[in-house]
């Protein structure tokens, strides 16, 4: 994927994760970073499960799942 695609996927996935996790989004830059890191985490999780997603929509789904996991872990750590 090209750099611009990574940015768009990261933005969409990070924003969606913020909405689903009742955070309302974290701002454009944070959403992009969250989505890109979510792509790494989601890719690892999907790989461990033997699942593969292709194309732009598949990348967004994988990044979204990873971003939700990251938000969940972050909130668990903040409570302690």
PDB file of N, CA and C in Angstrom:
ATOM      1  N   UNK A   1       0.836  -1.186   0.000  1.00  0.00           N
ATOM      2  CA  UNK A   1       0.000   0.000   0.000  1.00  0.00           C
ATOM      3  C   UNK A   1       0.878   1.245   0.000  1.00  0.00           C
ATOM      4  N   UNK A   2       0.381   2.288  -0.607  1.00  0.00           N
ATOM      5  CA  UNK A   2       1.095   3.542  -0.614  1.00  0.00           C
ATOM      6  C   UNK A   2       0.913   4.289   0.689  1.00  0.00           C
ATOM      7  N   UNK A   3       1.754   5.273   0.886  1.00  0.00           N
ATOM      8  CA  UNK A   3       1.727   6.054   2.127  1.00  0.00           C
ATOM      9  C   UNK A   3       0.368   6.715   2.345  1.00  0.00           C
ATOM     10  N   UNK A   4      -0.189   7.285   1.293  1.00  0.00           N
ATOM     11  CA  UNK A   4      -1.487   7.957   1.409  1.00  0.00           C
ATOM     12  C   UNK A   4      -2.583   6.963   1.800  1.00  0.00           C
ATOM     13  N   UNK A   5      -2.508   5.760   1.278  1.00  0.00           N
ATOM     14  CA  UNK A   5      -3.488   4.733   1.636  1.00  0.00           C
ATOM     15  C   UNK A   5      -3.380   4.377   3.110  1.00  0.00           C
ATOM     16  N   UNK A   6      -2.158   4.269   3.616  1.00  0.00           N
ATOM     17  CA  UNK A   6      -1.948   3.993   5.051  1.00  0.00           C
ATOM     18  C   UNK A   6      -2.594   5.082   5.894  1.00  0.00           C
ATOM     19  N   UNK A   7      -2.445   6.329   5.465  1.00  0.00           N
ATOM     20  CA  UNK A   7      -3.011   7.459   6.208  1.00  0.00           C
ATOM     21  C   UNK A   7      -4.539   7.382   6.208  1.00  0.00           C
ATOM     22  N   UNK A   8      -5.131   7.132   5.046  1.00  0.00           N
ATOM     23  CA  UNK A   8      -6.591   7.064   4.942  1.00  0.00           C
ATOM     24  C   UNK A   8      -7.131   5.890   5.750  1.00  0.00           C
ATOM     25  N   UNK A   9      -6.515   4.725   5.619  1.00  0.00           N
ATOM     26  CA  UNK A   9      -6.949   3.548   6.379  1.00  0.00           C
ATOM     27  C   UNK A   9      -6.811   3.826   7.874  1.00  0.00           C
ATOM     28  N   UNK A  10      -5.686   4.401   8.276  1.00  0.00           N
ATOM     29  CA  UNK A  10      -5.472   4.727   9.685  1.00  0.00           C
ATOM     30  C   UNK A  10      -6.500   5.702  10.215  1.00  0.00           C
ATOM     31  N   UNK A  11      -6.809   6.723   9.440  1.00  0.00           N
ATOM     32  CA  UNK A  11      -7.785   7.725   9.865  1.00  0.00           C
ATOM     33  C   UNK A  11      -9.164   7.105  10.035  1.00  0.00           C
ATOM     34  N   UNK A  12      -9.596   6.348   9.050  1.00  0.00           N
ATOM     35  CA  UNK A  12     -10.924   5.737   9.110  1.00  0.00           C
ATOM     36  C   UNK A  12     -11.000   4.733  10.258  1.00  0.00           C
ATOM     37  N   UNK A  13     -10.011   3.855  10.371  1.00  0.00           N
ATOM     38  CA  UNK A  13     -10.019   2.828  11.418  1.00  0.00           C
ATOM     39  C   UNK A  13      -9.929   3.449  12.806  1.00  0.00           C
ATOM     40  N   UNK A  14      -9.075   4.444  12.984  1.00  0.00           N
ATOM     41  CA  UNK A  14      -8.944   5.111  14.279  1.00  0.00           C
ATOM     42  C   UNK A  14     -10.212   5.845  14.680  1.00  0.00           C
ATOM     43  N   UNK A  15     -10.827   6.519  13.713  1.00  0.00           N
ATOM     44  CA  UNK A  15     -12.068   7.233  13.996  1.00  0.00           C
ATOM     45  C   UNK A  15     -13.175   6.252  14.369  1.00  0.00           C
ATOM     46  N   UNK A  16     -13.307   5.162  13.595  1.00  0.00           N
ATOM     47  CA  UNK A  16     -14.327   4.157  13.892  1.00  0.00           C
ATOM     48  C   UNK A  16     -14.120   3.539  15.272  1.00  0.00           C
ATOM     49  N   UNK A  17     -12.879   3.250  15.609  1.00  0.00           N
ATOM     50  CA  UNK A  17     -12.590   2.667  16.923  1.00  0.00           C
ATOM     51  C   UNK A  17     -12.981   3.639  18.029  1.00  0.00           C
ATOM     52  N   UNK A  18     -12.707   4.916  17.839  1.00  0.00           N
ATOM     53  CA  UNK A  18     -13.097   5.926  18.826  1.00  0.00           C
ATOM     54  C   UNK A  18     -14.602   5.996  18.991  1.00  0.00           C
ATOM     55  N   UNK A  19     -15.342   5.866  17.895  1.00  0.00           N
ATOM     56  CA  UNK A  19     -16.802   5.901  17.957  1.00  0.00           C
ATOM     57  C   UNK A  19     -17.357   4.670  18.656  1.00  0.00           C
ATOM     58  N   UNK A  20     -16.846   3.508  18.303  1.00  0.00           N
ATOM     59  CA  UNK A  20     -17.343   2.259  18.865  1.00  0.00           C
ATOM     60  C   UNK A  20     -16.997   2.143  20.340  1.00  0.00           C
ATOM     61  N   UNK A  21     -15.825   2.598  20.705  1.00  0.00           N
ATOM     62  CA  UNK A  21     -15.385   2.497  22.099  1.00  0.00           C
ATOM     63  C   UNK A  21     -15.851   3.694  22.931  1.00  0.00           C
ATOM     64  N   UNK A  22     -16.784   4.446  22.439  1.00  0.00           N
ATOM     65  CA  UNK A  22     -17.400   5.581  23.138  1.00  0.00           C
ATOM     66  C   UNK A  22     -16.413   6.679  23.497  1.00  0.00           C
ATOM     67  N   UNK A  23     -15.380   6.830  22.654  1.00  0.00           N
ATOM     68  CA  UNK A  23     -14.417   7.891  22.904  1.00  0.00           C
ATOM     69  C   UNK A  23     -14.682   9.110  22.048  1.00  0.00           C
ATOM     70  N   UNK A  24     -15.468   8.967  21.008  1.00  0.00           N
ATOM     71  CA  UNK A  24     -15.795  10.086  20.142  1.00  0.00           C
ATOM     72  C   UNK A  24     -14.667  10.493  19.226  1.00  0.00           C
ATOM     73  N   UNK A  25     -13.636   9.678  19.075  1.00  0.00           N
ATOM     74  CA  UNK A  25     -12.488  10.049  18.264  1.00  0.00           C
ATOM     75  C   UNK A  25     -11.471  10.770  19.124  1.00  0.00           C
ATOM     76  N   UNK A  26     -10.259  10.819  18.650  1.00  0.00           N
ATOM     77  CA  UNK A  26      -9.173  11.390  19.447  1.00  0.00           C
ATOM     78  C   UNK A  26      -8.459  12.527  18.727  1.00  0.00           C
ATOM     79  N   UNK A  27      -9.018  13.005  17.648  1.00  0.00           N
ATOM     80  CA  UNK A  27      -8.367  14.021  16.838  1.00  0.00           C
ATOM     81  C   UNK A  27      -7.741  13.357  15.625  1.00  0.00           C
ATOM     82  N   UNK A  28      -7.530  14.100  14.588  1.00  0.00           N
ATOM     83  CA  UNK A  28      -7.077  13.531  13.317  1.00  0.00           C
ATOM     84  C   UNK A  28      -5.742  12.811  13.456  1.00  0.00           C
ATOM     85  N   UNK A  29      -4.754  13.455  14.042  1.00  0.00           N
ATOM     86  CA  UNK A  29      -3.420  12.846  14.146  1.00  0.00           C
ATOM     87  C   UNK A  29      -3.460  11.592  15.015  1.00  0.00           C
ATOM     88  N   UNK A  30      -4.122  11.672  16.161  1.00  0.00           N
ATOM     89  CA  UNK A  30      -4.208  10.509  17.053  1.00  0.00           C
ATOM     90  C   UNK A  30      -4.998   9.379  16.411  1.00  0.00           C
ATOM     91  N   UNK A  31      -6.068   9.709  15.667  1.00  0.00           N
ATOM     92  CA  UNK A  31      -6.843   8.680  14.976  1.00  0.00           C
ATOM     93  C   UNK A  31      -5.986   7.969  13.922  1.00  0.00           C
ATOM     94  N   UNK A  32      -5.185   8.726  13.192  1.00  0.00           N
ATOM     95  CA  UNK A  32      -4.309   8.138  12.170  1.00  0.00           C
ATOM     96  C   UNK A  32      -3.294   7.206  12.825  1.00  0.00           C
ATOM     97  N   UNK A  33      -2.664   7.675  13.879  1.00  0.00           N
ATOM     98  CA  UNK A  33      -1.661   6.850  14.578  1.00  0.00           C
ATOM     99  C   UNK A  33      -2.319   5.611  15.168  1.00  0.00           C
ATOM    100  N   UNK A  34      -3.476   5.787  15.801  1.00  0.00           N
ATOM    101  CA  UNK A  34      -4.202   4.663  16.377  1.00  0.00           C
ATOM    102  C   UNK A  34      -4.570   3.650  15.302  1.00  0.00           C
ATOM    103  N   UNK A  35      -5.028   4.126  14.160  1.00  0.00           N
ATOM    104  CA  UNK A  35      -5.405   3.231  13.067  1.00  0.00           C
ATOM    105  C   UNK A  35      -4.222   2.487  12.477  1.00  0.00           C
ATOM    106  N   UNK A  36      -3.102   3.174  12.309  1.00  0.00           N
ATOM    107  CA  UNK A  36      -1.904   2.522  11.759  1.00  0.00           C
ATOM    108  C   UNK A  36      -1.365   1.488  12.743  1.00  0.00           C
ATOM    109  N   UNK A  37      -1.268   1.852  14.009  1.00  0.00           N
ATOM    110  CA  UNK A  37      -0.843   0.878  15.022  1.00  0.00           C
ATOM    111  C   UNK A  37      -1.860  -0.258  15.139  1.00  0.00           C
ATOM    112  N   UNK A  38      -3.135   0.087  14.983  1.00  0.00           N
ATOM    113  CA  UNK A  38      -4.177  -0.929  14.983  1.00  0.00           C
ATOM    114  C   UNK A  38      -4.016  -1.900  13.827  1.00  0.00           C
ATOM    115  N   UNK A  39      -3.531  -1.399  12.690  1.00  0.00           N
ATOM    116  CA  UNK A  39      -3.265  -2.276  11.556  1.00  0.00           C
ATOM    117  C   UNK A  39      -2.196  -3.304  11.866  1.00  0.00           C
ATOM    118  N   UNK A  40      -1.183  -2.874  12.593  1.00  0.00           N
ATOM    119  CA  UNK A  40      -0.111  -3.793  12.993  1.00  0.00           C
ATOM    120  C   UNK A  40      -0.655  -4.843  13.961  1.00  0.00           C
ATOM    121  N   UNK A  41      -1.378  -4.383  14.980  1.00  0.00           N
ATOM    122  CA  UNK A  41      -1.945  -5.301  15.974  1.00  0.00           C
ATOM    123  C   UNK A  41      -2.986  -6.215  15.316  1.00  0.00           C
ATOM    124  N   UNK A  42      -3.875  -5.630  14.524  1.00  0.00           N
ATOM    125  CA  UNK A  42      -4.900  -6.417  13.849  1.00  0.00           C
ATOM    126  C   UNK A  42      -4.305  -7.427  12.882  1.00  0.00           C
ATOM    127  N   UNK A  43      -3.256  -7.029  12.156  1.00  0.00           N
ATOM    128  CA  UNK A  43      -2.585  -7.956  11.248  1.00  0.00           C
ATOM    129  C   UNK A  43      -1.990  -9.126  11.993  1.00  0.00           C
ATOM    130  N   UNK A  44      -1.426  -8.853  13.155  1.00  0.00           N
ATOM    131  CA  UNK A  44      -0.841  -9.918  13.973  1.00  0.00           C
ATOM    132  C   UNK A  44      -1.936 -10.855  14.484  1.00  0.00           C
ATOM    133  N   UNK A  45      -3.037 -10.273  15.006  1.00  0.00           N
ATOM    134  CA  UNK A  45      -4.135 -11.085  15.544  1.00  0.00           C
ATOM    135  C   UNK A  45      -4.770 -11.924  14.435  1.00  0.00           C
ATOM    136  N   UNK A  46      -5.070 -11.297  13.307  1.00  0.00           N
ATOM    137  CA  UNK A  46      -5.680 -12.029  12.198  1.00  0.00           C
ATOM    138  C   UNK A  46      -4.743 -13.124  11.702  1.00  0.00           C
ATOM    139  N   UNK A  47      -3.445 -12.843  11.656  1.00  0.00           N
ATOM    140  CA  UNK A  47      -2.460 -13.845  11.241  1.00  0.00           C
ATOM    141  C   UNK A  47      -2.418 -15.030  12.197  1.00  0.00           C
ATOM    142  N   UNK A  48      -2.488 -14.747  13.493  1.00  0.00           N
ATOM    143  CA  UNK A  48      -2.486 -15.819  14.484  1.00  0.00           C
ATOM    144  C   UNK A  48      -3.733 -16.697  14.363  1.00  0.00           C
ATOM    145  N   UNK A  49      -4.834 -16.092  13.944  1.00  0.00           N
ATOM    146  CA  UNK A  49      -6.082 -16.837  13.775  1.00  0.00           C
ATOM    147  C   UNK A  49      -6.180 -17.511  12.404  1.00  0.00           C
ATOM    148  N   UNK A  50      -5.207 -17.255  11.542  1.00  0.00           N
ATOM    149  CA  UNK A  50      -5.208 -17.834  10.205  1.00  0.00           C
ATOM    150  C   UNK A  50      -6.166 -17.149   9.250  1.00  0.00           C
ATOM    151  N   UNK A  51      -6.552 -15.913   9.567  1.00  0.00           N
ATOM    152  CA  UNK A  51      -7.466 -15.149   8.717  1.00  0.00           C
ATOM    153  C   UNK A  51      -6.684 -14.142   7.890  1.00  0.00           C
ATOM    154  N   UNK A  52      -7.192 -13.862   6.696  1.00  0.00           N
ATOM    155  CA  UNK A  52      -6.532 -12.896   5.819  1.00  0.00           C
ATOM    156  C   UNK A  52      -7.596 -12.000   5.195  1.00  0.00           C
ATOM    157  N   UNK A  53      -7.338 -10.729   5.147  1.00  0.00           N
ATOM    158  CA  UNK A  53      -8.255  -9.768   4.535  1.00  0.00           C
ATOM    159  C   UNK A  53      -7.483  -8.992   3.481  1.00  0.00           C
ATOM    160  N   UNK A  54      -8.053  -8.872   2.309  1.00  0.00           N
ATOM    161  CA  UNK A  54      -7.381  -8.160   1.232  1.00  0.00           C
ATOM    162  C   UNK A  54      -8.157  -6.932   0.806  1.00  0.00           C
ATOM    163  N   UNK A  55      -7.505  -6.053   0.113  1.00  0.00           N
ATOM    164  CA  UNK A  55      -8.143  -4.851  -0.403  1.00  0.00           C
ATOM    165  C   UNK A  55      -8.263  -3.752   0.638  1.00  0.00           C
ATOM    166  N   UNK A  56      -8.815  -2.651   0.210  1.00  0.00           N
ATOM    167  CA  UNK A  56      -8.947  -1.475   1.076  1.00  0.00           C
ATOM    168  C   UNK A  56      -9.913  -1.731   2.231  1.00  0.00           C
ATOM    169  N   UNK A  57     -11.066  -2.322   1.939  1.00  0.00           N
ATOM    170  CA  UNK A  57     -12.052  -2.590   2.995  1.00  0.00           C
ATOM    171  C   UNK A  57     -11.492  -3.593   3.998  1.00  0.00           C
ATOM    172  N   UNK A  58     -10.825  -4.622   3.517  1.00  0.00           N
ATOM    173  CA  UNK A  58     -10.207  -5.599   4.409  1.00  0.00           C
ATOM    174  C   UNK A  58      -9.169  -4.962   5.309  1.00  0.00           C
ATOM    175  N   UNK A  59      -8.372  -4.045   4.748  1.00  0.00           N
ATOM    176  CA  UNK A  59      -7.362  -3.338   5.542  1.00  0.00           C
ATOM    177  C   UNK A  59      -8.007  -2.474   6.616  1.00  0.00           C
ATOM    178  N   UNK A  60      -9.103  -1.828   6.274  1.00  0.00           N
ATOM    179  CA  UNK A  60      -9.810  -0.998   7.252  1.00  0.00           C
ATOM    180  C   UNK A  60     -10.367  -1.869   8.377  1.00  0.00           C
ATOM    181  N   UNK A  61     -10.926  -3.015   8.030  1.00  0.00           N
ATOM    182  CA  UNK A  61     -11.488  -3.906   9.045  1.00  0.00           C
ATOM    183  C   UNK A  61     -10.403  -4.418   9.984  1.00  0.00           C
ATOM    184  N   UNK A  62      -9.290  -4.855   9.420  1.00  0.00           N
ATOM    185  CA  UNK A  62      -8.177  -5.354  10.242  1.00  0.00           C
ATOM    186  C   UNK A  62      -7.642  -4.242  11.140  1.00  0.00           C
ATOM    187  N   UNK A  63      -7.457  -3.056  10.585  1.00  0.00           N
ATOM    188  CA  UNK A  63      -6.962  -1.917  11.373  1.00  0.00           C
ATOM    189  C   UNK A  63      -7.954  -1.515  12.449  1.00  0.00           C
ATOM    190  N   UNK A  64      -9.230  -1.549  12.125  1.00  0.00           N
ATOM    191  CA  UNK A  64     -10.274  -1.217  13.088  1.00  0.00           C
ATOM    192  C   UNK A  64     -10.256  -2.186  14.267  1.00  0.00           C
ATOM    193  N   UNK A  65     -10.191  -3.471  13.984  1.00  0.00           N
ATOM    194  CA  UNK A  65     -10.156  -4.472  15.052  1.00  0.00           C
ATOM    195  C   UNK A  65      -8.927  -4.251  15.933  1.00  0.00           C
ATOM    196  N   UNK A  66      -7.772  -4.023  15.318  1.00  0.00           N
ATOM    197  CA  UNK A  66      -6.550  -3.766  16.084  1.00  0.00           C
ATOM    198  C   UNK A  66      -6.643  -2.489  16.912  1.00  0.00           C
ATOM    199  N   UNK A  67      -7.247  -1.455  16.342  1.00  0.00           N
ATOM    200  CA  UNK A  67      -7.388  -0.184  17.068  1.00  0.00           C
ATOM    201  C   UNK A  67      -8.324  -0.345  18.263  1.00  0.00           C
ATOM    202  N   UNK A  68      -9.390  -1.108  18.103  1.00  0.00           N
ATOM    203  CA  UNK A  68     -10.304  -1.365  19.224  1.00  0.00           C
ATOM    204  C   UNK A  68      -9.556  -2.101  20.333  1.00  0.00           C
ATOM    205  N   UNK A  69      -8.742  -3.067  19.956  1.00  0.00           N
ATOM    206  CA  UNK A  69      -7.942  -3.800  20.945  1.00  0.00           C
ATOM    207  C   UNK A  69      -7.004  -2.844  21.675  1.00  0.00           C
ATOM    208  N   UNK A  70      -6.358  -1.942  20.931  1.00  0.00           N
ATOM    209  CA  UNK A  70      -5.446  -0.979  21.557  1.00  0.00           C
ATOM    210  C   UNK A  70      -6.171  -0.041  22.517  1.00  0.00           C
ATOM    211  N   UNK A  71      -7.340   0.460  22.121  1.00  0.00           N
ATOM    212  CA  UNK A  71      -8.113   1.346  22.996  1.00  0.00           C
ATOM    213  C   UNK A  71      -8.524   0.589  24.255  1.00  0.00           C
ATOM    214  N   UNK A  72      -8.955  -0.647  24.103  1.00  0.00           N
ATOM    215  CA  UNK A  72      -9.371  -1.469  25.234  1.00  0.00           C
ATOM    216  C   UNK A  72      -8.210  -1.680  26.208  1.00  0.00           C
ATOM    217  N   UNK A  73      -7.029  -2.034  25.682  1.00  0.00           N
ATOM    218  CA  UNK A  73      -5.848  -2.246  26.533  1.00  0.00           C
ATOM    219  C   UNK A  73      -5.452  -0.947  27.229  1.00  0.00           C
ATOM    220  N   UNK A  74      -5.481   0.159  26.503  1.00  0.00           N
ATOM    221  CA  UNK A  74      -5.132   1.458  27.079  1.00  0.00           C
ATOM    222  C   UNK A  74      -6.066   1.814  28.231  1.00  0.00           C
ATOM    223  N   UNK A  75      -7.329   1.573  28.066  1.00  0.00           N
ATOM    224  CA  UNK A  75      -8.300   1.878  29.124  1.00  0.00           C
ATOM    225  C   UNK A  75      -8.102   0.965  30.332  1.00  0.00           C
ATOM    226  N   UNK A  76      -7.738  -0.299  30.096  1.00  0.00           N
ATOM    227  CA  UNK A  76      -7.444  -1.205  31.205  1.00  0.00           C
ATOM    228  C   UNK A  76      -6.246  -0.711  32.013  1.00  0.00           C
ATOM    229  N   UNK A  77      -5.227  -0.236  31.312  1.00  0.00           N
ATOM    230  CA  UNK A  77      -4.025   0.244  31.986  1.00  0.00           C
ATOM    231  C   UNK A  77      -4.273   1.548  32.740  1.00  0.00           C
ATOM    232  N   UNK A  78      -5.151   2.404  32.216  1.00  0.00           N
ATOM    233  CA  UNK A  78      -5.453   3.672  32.874  1.00  0.00           C
ATOM    234  C   UNK A  78      -6.198   3.464  34.182  1.00  0.00           C
ATOM    235  N   UNK A  79      -6.989   2.406  34.294  1.00  0.00           N
ATOM    236  CA  UNK A  79      -7.760   2.150  35.511  1.00  0.00           C
ATOM    237  C   UNK A  79      -6.882   1.753  36.679  1.00  0.00           C
ATOM    238  N   UNK A  80      -5.697   1.259  36.397  1.00  0.00           N
ATOM    239  CA  UNK A  80      -4.824   0.780  37.480  1.00  0.00           C
ATOM    240  C   UNK A  80      -3.972   1.869  38.033  1.00  0.00           C
TER     241      UNK A  80
END
